[in-house]
Amino acid sequence: MTAPLSQATAFQAPGYDPVRLIETYQAGVWRYLRALGCDAAQAEDLTQDTFLAVLQRPFQDINPAATAAYLRKTALNLFISQQRRAGKVTAVEDVEEFDRTWVQWAGQDDGEALLEALRDCLQGLTGRARMALEMRFRDNSSRDNIAAALEITDHGAKNLMQRAKHQLRECIQKKLK
């Protein structure tokens, strides 16, 4: 009589490497959760929970696209459950459309090429434009604070950031083509 297969045994399938799975997909899951609206700490927690959930049940790494989609779906379900428990409602109009857009932008490398293009394009901005965007998106500064730091008007800060974002968008699109 043979012993029943345990869950741990199910992970010993040829070619399955949990460490490689995490190393390969962790950044993409984290970025996906951030795009859904998680703050950095929440995305970190849910990313860990995603891999714990996947590693606790049998899993077959069929191909990179299927694995990434499965991990995103698991992360999304955990996010929704967490939001429900907290009594929060997060509006994501069409999750399938959001996921298609994510795949289109993030590509096969979970956004690495996009991030590299962004880093390169940021270097092409003026110092003031880069500082304004960093204050806004990294430091979460208000437009009033940005204007004060740059010694310009509130509308000047708004226009500077709009022009910088437009320049970044065009630069990134050129790099990705």
N, C-alpha and C. Protein backbone atom coordinates (compact mmCIF):
# COMPACT_ATOMS: atom_id res chain seq x y z
N MET A 1 0.85 -1.17 0.00
CA MET A 1 0.00 0.00 0.00
C MET A 1 0.90 1.24 0.00
N THR A 2 0.60 2.19 -0.87
CA THR A 2 1.43 3.38 -0.95
C THR A 2 0.86 4.48 -0.07
N ALA A 3 1.74 5.29 0.44
CA ALA A 3 1.32 6.41 1.28
C ALA A 3 0.74 7.50 0.40
N PRO A 4 -0.26 8.23 0.91
CA PRO A 4 -0.82 9.33 0.11
C PRO A 4 0.23 10.42 -0.10
N LEU A 5 0.13 11.07 -1.23
CA LEU A 5 1.05 12.17 -1.51
C LEU A 5 0.72 13.35 -0.62
N SER A 6 1.70 13.88 0.01
CA SER A 6 1.48 15.09 0.80
C SER A 6 1.63 16.30 -0.11
N GLN A 7 1.22 17.46 0.38
CA GLN A 7 1.38 18.68 -0.41
C GLN A 7 2.85 18.95 -0.66
N ALA A 8 3.68 18.68 0.30
CA ALA A 8 5.11 18.92 0.13
C ALA A 8 5.66 18.08 -1.01
N THR A 9 5.18 16.85 -1.15
CA THR A 9 5.64 15.98 -2.22
C THR A 9 5.21 16.52 -3.57
N ALA A 10 4.05 17.15 -3.62
CA ALA A 10 3.56 17.68 -4.89
C ALA A 10 4.49 18.75 -5.46
N PHE A 11 5.25 19.41 -4.60
CA PHE A 11 6.14 20.47 -5.06
C PHE A 11 7.45 19.93 -5.59
N GLN A 12 7.68 18.65 -5.52
CA GLN A 12 8.93 18.07 -5.97
C GLN A 12 8.89 17.64 -7.43
N ALA A 13 7.91 18.15 -8.16
CA ALA A 13 7.80 17.82 -9.57
C ALA A 13 9.07 18.27 -10.29
N PRO A 14 9.49 17.53 -11.30
CA PRO A 14 10.71 17.90 -12.02
C PRO A 14 10.62 19.32 -12.58
N GLY A 15 11.66 20.09 -12.38
CA GLY A 15 11.72 21.43 -12.92
C GLY A 15 11.08 22.49 -12.04
N TYR A 16 10.41 22.08 -10.95
CA TYR A 16 9.75 23.05 -10.09
C TYR A 16 10.73 23.52 -9.03
N ASP A 17 10.95 24.81 -8.96
CA ASP A 17 11.87 25.38 -7.99
C ASP A 17 11.19 26.57 -7.32
N PRO A 18 10.72 26.42 -6.08
CA PRO A 18 10.02 27.51 -5.40
C PRO A 18 10.87 28.78 -5.26
N VAL A 19 12.17 28.63 -5.04
CA VAL A 19 13.05 29.79 -4.90
C VAL A 19 13.09 30.56 -6.21
N ARG A 20 13.23 29.84 -7.32
CA ARG A 20 13.25 30.50 -8.63
C ARG A 20 11.91 31.16 -8.92
N LEU A 21 10.83 30.51 -8.54
CA LEU A 21 9.50 31.07 -8.74
C LEU A 21 9.39 32.43 -8.05
N ILE A 22 9.81 32.49 -6.81
CA ILE A 22 9.74 33.75 -6.05
C ILE A 22 10.67 34.79 -6.65
N GLU A 23 11.91 34.39 -6.93
CA GLU A 23 12.88 35.34 -7.49
C GLU A 23 12.41 35.90 -8.83
N THR A 24 11.78 35.07 -9.62
CA THR A 24 11.36 35.48 -10.96
C THR A 24 10.14 36.38 -10.94
N TYR A 25 9.18 36.11 -10.07
CA TYR A 25 7.88 36.77 -10.15
C TYR A 25 7.57 37.74 -9.02
N GLN A 26 8.39 37.80 -8.00
CA GLN A 26 8.08 38.63 -6.83
C GLN A 26 7.92 40.11 -7.19
N ALA A 27 8.83 40.66 -7.94
CA ALA A 27 8.75 42.09 -8.28
C ALA A 27 7.49 42.38 -9.10
N GLY A 28 7.15 41.49 -10.01
CA GLY A 28 5.96 41.71 -10.83
C GLY A 28 4.68 41.68 -10.03
N VAL A 29 4.59 40.76 -9.07
CA VAL A 29 3.40 40.70 -8.22
C VAL A 29 3.30 41.97 -7.38
N TRP A 30 4.44 42.39 -6.82
CA TRP A 30 4.46 43.61 -6.00
C TRP A 30 4.02 44.81 -6.83
N ARG A 31 4.54 44.95 -8.04
CA ARG A 31 4.18 46.08 -8.90
C ARG A 31 2.69 46.03 -9.28
N TYR A 32 2.19 44.85 -9.54
CA TYR A 32 0.78 44.69 -9.87
C TYR A 32 -0.09 45.16 -8.71
N LEU A 33 0.27 44.76 -7.50
CA LEU A 33 -0.50 45.18 -6.33
C LEU A 33 -0.42 46.70 -6.12
N ARG A 34 0.73 47.27 -6.39
CA ARG A 34 0.86 48.73 -6.30
C ARG A 34 -0.05 49.39 -7.33
N ALA A 35 -0.10 48.83 -8.53
CA ALA A 35 -0.96 49.39 -9.57
C ALA A 35 -2.43 49.28 -9.19
N LEU A 36 -2.78 48.25 -8.42
CA LEU A 36 -4.16 48.09 -7.95
C LEU A 36 -4.52 49.13 -6.88
N GLY A 37 -3.50 49.74 -6.26
CA GLY A 37 -3.77 50.77 -5.26
C GLY A 37 -3.20 50.48 -3.89
N CYS A 38 -2.44 49.41 -3.74
CA CYS A 38 -1.83 49.11 -2.45
C CYS A 38 -0.69 50.08 -2.18
N ASP A 39 -0.51 50.44 -0.89
CA ASP A 39 0.70 51.18 -0.55
C ASP A 39 1.84 50.17 -0.50
N ALA A 40 3.07 50.65 -0.36
CA ALA A 40 4.23 49.77 -0.45
C ALA A 40 4.20 48.65 0.59
N ALA A 41 3.85 48.98 1.82
CA ALA A 41 3.84 47.96 2.89
C ALA A 41 2.75 46.92 2.63
N GLN A 42 1.58 47.37 2.23
CA GLN A 42 0.49 46.44 1.94
C GLN A 42 0.86 45.55 0.76
N ALA A 43 1.48 46.12 -0.27
CA ALA A 43 1.90 45.32 -1.43
C ALA A 43 2.93 44.28 -1.01
N GLU A 44 3.85 44.65 -0.14
CA GLU A 44 4.86 43.71 0.36
C GLU A 44 4.20 42.55 1.10
N ASP A 45 3.27 42.86 1.99
CA ASP A 45 2.57 41.82 2.76
C ASP A 45 1.78 40.90 1.83
N LEU A 46 1.03 41.49 0.91
CA LEU A 46 0.21 40.67 0.02
C LEU A 46 1.06 39.86 -0.96
N THR A 47 2.22 40.37 -1.33
CA THR A 47 3.12 39.61 -2.19
C THR A 47 3.58 38.36 -1.45
N GLN A 48 3.98 38.53 -0.20
CA GLN A 48 4.39 37.37 0.60
C GLN A 48 3.24 36.39 0.76
N ASP A 49 2.05 36.92 1.05
CA ASP A 49 0.87 36.06 1.21
C ASP A 49 0.55 35.31 -0.07
N THR A 50 0.76 35.97 -1.21
CA THR A 50 0.51 35.33 -2.50
C THR A 50 1.39 34.10 -2.67
N PHE A 51 2.68 34.25 -2.42
CA PHE A 51 3.59 33.12 -2.59
C PHE A 51 3.34 32.04 -1.54
N LEU A 52 2.99 32.43 -0.33
CA LEU A 52 2.65 31.42 0.69
C LEU A 52 1.44 30.62 0.24
N ALA A 53 0.43 31.30 -0.28
CA ALA A 53 -0.78 30.60 -0.74
C ALA A 53 -0.46 29.65 -1.88
N VAL A 54 0.36 30.09 -2.81
CA VAL A 54 0.69 29.25 -3.97
C VAL A 54 1.55 28.07 -3.54
N LEU A 55 2.48 28.29 -2.62
CA LEU A 55 3.37 27.21 -2.20
C LEU A 55 2.70 26.20 -1.29
N GLN A 56 1.53 26.53 -0.74
CA GLN A 56 0.83 25.61 0.15
C GLN A 56 -0.09 24.64 -0.59
N ARG A 57 -0.15 24.77 -1.89
CA ARG A 57 -0.98 23.83 -2.65
C ARG A 57 -0.21 23.40 -3.89
N PRO A 58 -0.61 22.31 -4.48
CA PRO A 58 0.10 21.84 -5.67
C PRO A 58 0.11 22.91 -6.76
N PHE A 59 1.25 23.06 -7.39
CA PHE A 59 1.41 24.09 -8.40
C PHE A 59 2.28 23.55 -9.51
N GLN A 60 1.88 23.82 -10.73
CA GLN A 60 2.66 23.41 -11.89
C GLN A 60 3.01 24.65 -12.69
N ASP A 61 4.28 24.91 -12.84
CA ASP A 61 4.79 26.05 -13.58
C ASP A 61 4.77 25.69 -15.06
N ILE A 62 3.66 25.99 -15.73
CA ILE A 62 3.47 25.58 -17.13
C ILE A 62 4.32 26.42 -18.07
N ASN A 63 4.13 27.74 -17.99
CA ASN A 63 4.93 28.67 -18.80
C ASN A 63 4.91 30.02 -18.10
N PRO A 64 5.82 30.92 -18.43
CA PRO A 64 5.91 32.19 -17.72
C PRO A 64 4.63 33.02 -17.75
N ALA A 65 3.96 33.09 -18.89
CA ALA A 65 2.74 33.90 -18.98
C ALA A 65 1.63 33.33 -18.09
N ALA A 66 1.46 32.02 -18.10
CA ALA A 66 0.43 31.39 -17.28
C ALA A 66 0.75 31.52 -15.80
N THR A 67 2.01 31.36 -15.45
CA THR A 67 2.42 31.49 -14.05
C THR A 67 2.20 32.91 -13.56
N ALA A 68 2.60 33.90 -14.35
CA ALA A 68 2.41 35.30 -13.96
C ALA A 68 0.92 35.61 -13.79
N ALA A 69 0.09 35.12 -14.71
CA ALA A 69 -1.35 35.35 -14.62
C ALA A 69 -1.94 34.71 -13.37
N TYR A 70 -1.51 33.49 -13.06
CA TYR A 70 -1.98 32.78 -11.87
C TYR A 70 -1.59 33.53 -10.60
N LEU A 71 -0.36 34.02 -10.54
CA LEU A 71 0.10 34.76 -9.37
C LEU A 71 -0.65 36.09 -9.24
N ARG A 72 -0.90 36.77 -10.36
CA ARG A 72 -1.68 38.02 -10.30
C ARG A 72 -3.09 37.77 -9.80
N LYS A 73 -3.70 36.70 -10.28
CA LYS A 73 -5.07 36.37 -9.85
C LYS A 73 -5.10 36.05 -8.36
N THR A 74 -4.12 35.30 -7.90
CA THR A 74 -4.04 34.98 -6.47
C THR A 74 -3.85 36.26 -5.66
N ALA A 75 -2.95 37.14 -6.11
CA ALA A 75 -2.71 38.41 -5.41
C ALA A 75 -3.98 39.27 -5.40
N LEU A 76 -4.68 39.32 -6.52
CA LEU A 76 -5.91 40.10 -6.60
C LEU A 76 -6.95 39.57 -5.61
N ASN A 77 -7.11 38.26 -5.56
CA ASN A 77 -8.08 37.67 -4.63
C ASN A 77 -7.73 37.96 -3.17
N LEU A 78 -6.44 37.90 -2.85
CA LEU A 78 -6.01 38.23 -1.50
C LEU A 78 -6.26 39.71 -1.19
N PHE A 79 -6.00 40.57 -2.16
CA PHE A 79 -6.25 42.00 -2.00
C PHE A 79 -7.73 42.26 -1.75
N ILE A 80 -8.58 41.65 -2.55
CA ILE A 80 -10.03 41.84 -2.40
C ILE A 80 -10.48 41.35 -1.03
N SER A 81 -9.99 40.18 -0.61
CA SER A 81 -10.35 39.65 0.71
C SER A 81 -9.91 40.58 1.82
N GLN A 82 -8.70 41.12 1.71
CA GLN A 82 -8.19 42.04 2.72
C GLN A 82 -9.04 43.31 2.77
N GLN A 83 -9.40 43.82 1.61
CA GLN A 83 -10.22 45.03 1.56
C GLN A 83 -11.60 44.78 2.17
N ARG A 84 -12.16 43.63 1.90
CA ARG A 84 -13.48 43.30 2.46
C ARG A 84 -13.42 43.20 3.98
N ARG A 85 -12.36 42.52 4.48
CA ARG A 85 -12.21 42.39 5.94
C ARG A 85 -12.06 43.76 6.61
N ALA A 86 -11.40 44.68 5.92
CA ALA A 86 -11.18 46.02 6.47
C ALA A 86 -12.39 46.93 6.24
N GLY A 87 -13.39 46.43 5.53
CA GLY A 87 -14.58 47.23 5.25
C GLY A 87 -14.34 48.32 4.24
N LYS A 88 -13.32 48.15 3.42
CA LYS A 88 -12.99 49.15 2.41
C LYS A 88 -13.48 48.68 1.05
N VAL A 89 -13.86 49.64 0.25
CA VAL A 89 -14.27 49.34 -1.11
C VAL A 89 -13.27 50.03 -2.03
N THR A 90 -12.65 49.25 -2.89
CA THR A 90 -11.73 49.80 -3.87
C THR A 90 -12.34 49.61 -5.24
N ALA A 91 -12.46 50.70 -5.95
CA ALA A 91 -13.09 50.64 -7.26
C ALA A 91 -12.08 50.24 -8.32
N VAL A 92 -12.28 49.08 -8.87
CA VAL A 92 -11.55 48.66 -10.07
C VAL A 92 -12.65 48.29 -11.04
N GLU A 93 -12.88 49.20 -11.97
CA GLU A 93 -14.03 49.09 -12.86
C GLU A 93 -14.14 47.72 -13.53
N ASP A 94 -13.09 47.34 -14.20
CA ASP A 94 -13.10 46.09 -14.96
C ASP A 94 -11.77 45.40 -14.73
N VAL A 95 -11.77 44.42 -13.85
CA VAL A 95 -10.53 43.76 -13.46
C VAL A 95 -9.87 43.08 -14.66
N GLU A 96 -10.67 42.50 -15.54
CA GLU A 96 -10.08 41.84 -16.71
C GLU A 96 -9.38 42.86 -17.62
N GLU A 97 -9.99 44.02 -17.81
CA GLU A 97 -9.38 45.07 -18.62
C GLU A 97 -8.11 45.59 -17.94
N PHE A 98 -8.18 45.75 -16.63
CA PHE A 98 -7.00 46.18 -15.87
C PHE A 98 -5.86 45.18 -16.08
N ASP A 99 -6.18 43.89 -16.00
CA ASP A 99 -5.16 42.86 -16.16
C ASP A 99 -4.59 42.86 -17.58
N ARG A 100 -5.45 43.03 -18.59
CA ARG A 100 -4.95 43.10 -19.97
C ARG A 100 -4.02 44.29 -20.16
N THR A 101 -4.40 45.42 -19.59
CA THR A 101 -3.56 46.61 -19.68
C THR A 101 -2.24 46.39 -18.96
N TRP A 102 -2.31 45.73 -17.80
CA TRP A 102 -1.08 45.43 -17.06
C TRP A 102 -0.14 44.57 -17.91
N VAL A 103 -0.66 43.54 -18.51
CA VAL A 103 0.16 42.64 -19.33
C VAL A 103 0.75 43.41 -20.52
N GLN A 104 -0.05 44.28 -21.12
CA GLN A 104 0.43 45.08 -22.25
C GLN A 104 1.59 45.97 -21.82
N TRP A 105 1.47 46.63 -20.69
CA TRP A 105 2.52 47.55 -20.25
C TRP A 105 3.68 46.84 -19.57
N ALA A 106 3.40 45.87 -18.76
CA ALA A 106 4.47 45.20 -18.01
C ALA A 106 5.23 44.21 -18.87
N GLY A 107 4.57 43.64 -19.86
CA GLY A 107 5.22 42.71 -20.77
C GLY A 107 5.66 41.43 -20.09
N GLN A 108 6.60 40.76 -20.71
CA GLN A 108 7.08 39.47 -20.22
C GLN A 108 8.06 39.61 -19.05
N ASP A 109 8.55 40.83 -18.81
CA ASP A 109 9.56 41.00 -17.77
C ASP A 109 9.03 41.73 -16.55
N ASP A 110 7.70 41.75 -16.38
CA ASP A 110 7.04 42.39 -15.23
C ASP A 110 7.41 43.85 -15.07
N GLY A 111 7.64 44.52 -16.17
CA GLY A 111 7.87 45.95 -16.14
C GLY A 111 9.31 46.40 -16.06
N GLU A 112 10.26 45.46 -16.09
CA GLU A 112 11.67 45.84 -15.99
C GLU A 112 12.11 46.76 -17.13
N ALA A 113 11.72 46.45 -18.35
CA ALA A 113 12.10 47.28 -19.50
C ALA A 113 11.46 48.66 -19.38
N LEU A 114 10.23 48.69 -18.92
CA LEU A 114 9.54 49.96 -18.73
C LEU A 114 10.22 50.80 -17.66
N LEU A 115 10.61 50.18 -16.55
CA LEU A 115 11.32 50.91 -15.50
C LEU A 115 12.67 51.42 -15.96
N GLU A 116 13.37 50.61 -16.72
CA GLU A 116 14.67 51.04 -17.24
C GLU A 116 14.50 52.22 -18.19
N ALA A 117 13.47 52.18 -19.02
CA ALA A 117 13.19 53.30 -19.92
C ALA A 117 12.84 54.55 -19.11
N LEU A 118 12.04 54.38 -18.06
CA LEU A 118 11.68 55.50 -17.20
C LEU A 118 12.92 56.12 -16.56
N ARG A 119 13.81 55.28 -16.04
CA ARG A 119 15.05 55.78 -15.42
C ARG A 119 15.88 56.57 -16.42
N ASP A 120 16.02 56.04 -17.62
CA ASP A 120 16.79 56.74 -18.66
C ASP A 120 16.12 58.06 -19.03
N CYS A 121 14.82 58.03 -19.19
CA CYS A 121 14.10 59.23 -19.60
C CYS A 121 14.10 60.29 -18.50
N LEU A 122 14.05 59.87 -17.25
CA LEU A 122 14.13 60.84 -16.15
C LEU A 122 15.43 61.64 -16.20
N GLN A 123 16.49 60.98 -16.63
CA GLN A 123 17.77 61.68 -16.74
C GLN A 123 17.75 62.76 -17.81
N GLY A 124 16.83 62.66 -18.75
CA GLY A 124 16.72 63.65 -19.82
C GLY A 124 15.93 64.88 -19.43
N LEU A 125 15.28 64.85 -18.27
CA LEU A 125 14.52 66.01 -17.81
C LEU A 125 15.45 67.05 -17.19
N THR A 126 14.97 68.27 -17.13
CA THR A 126 15.73 69.29 -16.41
C THR A 126 15.72 68.94 -14.93
N GLY A 127 16.66 69.48 -14.20
CA GLY A 127 16.73 69.22 -12.77
C GLY A 127 15.47 69.65 -12.04
N ARG A 128 14.92 70.80 -12.43
CA ARG A 128 13.70 71.29 -11.78
C ARG A 128 12.51 70.36 -12.06
N ALA A 129 12.39 69.91 -13.30
CA ALA A 129 11.28 69.01 -13.65
C ALA A 129 11.41 67.69 -12.91
N ARG A 130 12.62 67.15 -12.88
CA ARG A 130 12.85 65.89 -12.18
C ARG A 130 12.55 66.04 -10.69
N MET A 131 13.00 67.17 -10.11
CA MET A 131 12.75 67.42 -8.69
C MET A 131 11.25 67.52 -8.41
N ALA A 132 10.52 68.21 -9.29
CA ALA A 132 9.07 68.35 -9.10
C ALA A 132 8.38 66.99 -9.12
N LEU A 133 8.74 66.15 -10.09
CA LEU A 133 8.12 64.82 -10.18
C LEU A 133 8.52 63.93 -9.00
N GLU A 134 9.76 64.00 -8.59
CA GLU A 134 10.20 63.20 -7.44
C GLU A 134 9.47 63.64 -6.18
N MET A 135 9.34 64.94 -6.00
CA MET A 135 8.60 65.43 -4.82
C MET A 135 7.15 64.96 -4.86
N ARG A 136 6.55 64.99 -6.03
CA ARG A 136 5.14 64.63 -6.14
C ARG A 136 4.92 63.13 -5.98
N PHE A 137 5.70 62.33 -6.69
CA PHE A 137 5.41 60.89 -6.74
C PHE A 137 6.23 60.06 -5.77
N ARG A 138 7.40 60.49 -5.40
CA ARG A 138 8.19 59.75 -4.42
C ARG A 138 7.85 60.21 -3.01
N ASP A 139 7.79 61.54 -2.82
CA ASP A 139 7.59 62.11 -1.49
C ASP A 139 6.13 62.43 -1.19
N ASN A 140 5.28 62.34 -2.22
CA ASN A 140 3.85 62.63 -2.08
C ASN A 140 3.60 64.07 -1.62
N SER A 141 4.44 64.99 -2.08
CA SER A 141 4.30 66.40 -1.73
C SER A 141 3.13 67.02 -2.47
N SER A 142 2.55 68.03 -1.86
CA SER A 142 1.46 68.76 -2.51
C SER A 142 2.04 69.69 -3.57
N ARG A 143 1.18 70.13 -4.46
CA ARG A 143 1.62 71.06 -5.50
C ARG A 143 2.09 72.37 -4.88
N ASP A 144 1.44 72.79 -3.80
CA ASP A 144 1.86 74.01 -3.10
C ASP A 144 3.28 73.87 -2.56
N ASN A 145 3.59 72.73 -1.97
CA ASN A 145 4.95 72.51 -1.45
C ASN A 145 5.98 72.46 -2.56
N ILE A 146 5.62 71.86 -3.67
CA ILE A 146 6.52 71.79 -4.82
C ILE A 146 6.78 73.19 -5.35
N ALA A 147 5.72 73.97 -5.47
CA ALA A 147 5.86 75.35 -5.95
C ALA A 147 6.76 76.16 -5.03
N ALA A 148 6.58 76.00 -3.73
CA ALA A 148 7.41 76.74 -2.77
C ALA A 148 8.87 76.31 -2.88
N ALA A 149 9.13 75.01 -3.00
CA ALA A 149 10.50 74.52 -3.09
C ALA A 149 11.19 75.02 -4.36
N LEU A 150 10.43 75.16 -5.43
CA LEU A 150 11.00 75.59 -6.71
C LEU A 150 10.90 77.11 -6.91
N GLU A 151 10.26 77.77 -5.93
CA GLU A 151 10.07 79.22 -5.99
C GLU A 151 9.32 79.64 -7.25
N ILE A 152 8.21 78.94 -7.51
CA ILE A 152 7.32 79.27 -8.62
C ILE A 152 5.89 79.25 -8.11
N THR A 153 4.95 79.65 -8.95
CA THR A 153 3.55 79.65 -8.53
C THR A 153 2.99 78.22 -8.55
N ASP A 154 1.85 78.06 -7.95
CA ASP A 154 1.14 76.78 -7.95
C ASP A 154 0.86 76.34 -9.39
N HIS A 155 0.40 77.28 -10.21
CA HIS A 155 0.12 76.96 -11.61
C HIS A 155 1.40 76.65 -12.38
N GLY A 156 2.48 77.33 -12.03
CA GLY A 156 3.78 77.04 -12.65
C GLY A 156 4.23 75.62 -12.35
N ALA A 157 4.01 75.18 -11.10
CA ALA A 157 4.37 73.80 -10.72
C ALA A 157 3.51 72.80 -11.48
N LYS A 158 2.22 73.12 -11.61
CA LYS A 158 1.31 72.24 -12.34
C LYS A 158 1.76 72.11 -13.80
N ASN A 159 2.05 73.23 -14.44
CA ASN A 159 2.48 73.21 -15.84
C ASN A 159 3.82 72.49 -16.00
N LEU A 160 4.75 72.73 -15.09
CA LEU A 160 6.05 72.07 -15.15
C LEU A 160 5.89 70.55 -15.09
N MET A 161 5.06 70.08 -14.16
CA MET A 161 4.86 68.63 -14.03
C MET A 161 4.11 68.06 -15.22
N GLN A 162 3.14 68.78 -15.76
CA GLN A 162 2.43 68.29 -16.94
C GLN A 162 3.39 68.16 -18.13
N ARG A 163 4.23 69.17 -18.34
CA ARG A 163 5.20 69.10 -19.44
C ARG A 163 6.19 67.96 -19.22
N ALA A 164 6.64 67.80 -17.99
CA ALA A 164 7.60 66.73 -17.69
C ALA A 164 6.98 65.36 -17.92
N LYS A 165 5.74 65.17 -17.49
CA LYS A 165 5.07 63.88 -17.69
C LYS A 165 4.87 63.61 -19.17
N HIS A 166 4.52 64.63 -19.92
CA HIS A 166 4.36 64.47 -21.37
C HIS A 166 5.69 64.08 -22.01
N GLN A 167 6.76 64.76 -21.60
CA GLN A 167 8.10 64.44 -22.13
C GLN A 167 8.49 63.00 -21.77
N LEU A 168 8.21 62.59 -20.54
CA LEU A 168 8.52 61.21 -20.13
C LEU A 168 7.73 60.21 -20.96
N ARG A 169 6.45 60.47 -21.14
CA ARG A 169 5.59 59.56 -21.90
C ARG A 169 6.13 59.36 -23.32
N GLU A 170 6.47 60.48 -23.97
CA GLU A 170 6.99 60.38 -25.34
C GLU A 170 8.33 59.64 -25.38
N CYS A 171 9.20 59.95 -24.44
CA CYS A 171 10.51 59.31 -24.38
C CYS A 171 10.37 57.80 -24.16
N ILE A 172 9.52 57.41 -23.24
CA ILE A 172 9.33 55.99 -22.93
C ILE A 172 8.74 55.26 -24.13
N GLN A 173 7.77 55.85 -24.77
CA GLN A 173 7.17 55.22 -25.95
C GLN A 173 8.20 55.01 -27.05
N LYS A 174 9.08 55.98 -27.25
CA LYS A 174 10.14 55.83 -28.26
C LYS A 174 11.10 54.69 -27.89
N LYS A 175 11.46 54.61 -26.62
CA LYS A 175 12.40 53.59 -26.17
C LYS A 175 11.82 52.18 -26.28
N LEU A 176 10.51 52.06 -26.08
CA LEU A 176 9.90 50.74 -26.09
C LEU A 176 9.52 50.25 -27.48
N LYS A 177 9.63 51.12 -28.48
CA LYS A 177 9.31 50.69 -29.85
C LYS A 177 10.49 50.07 -30.50
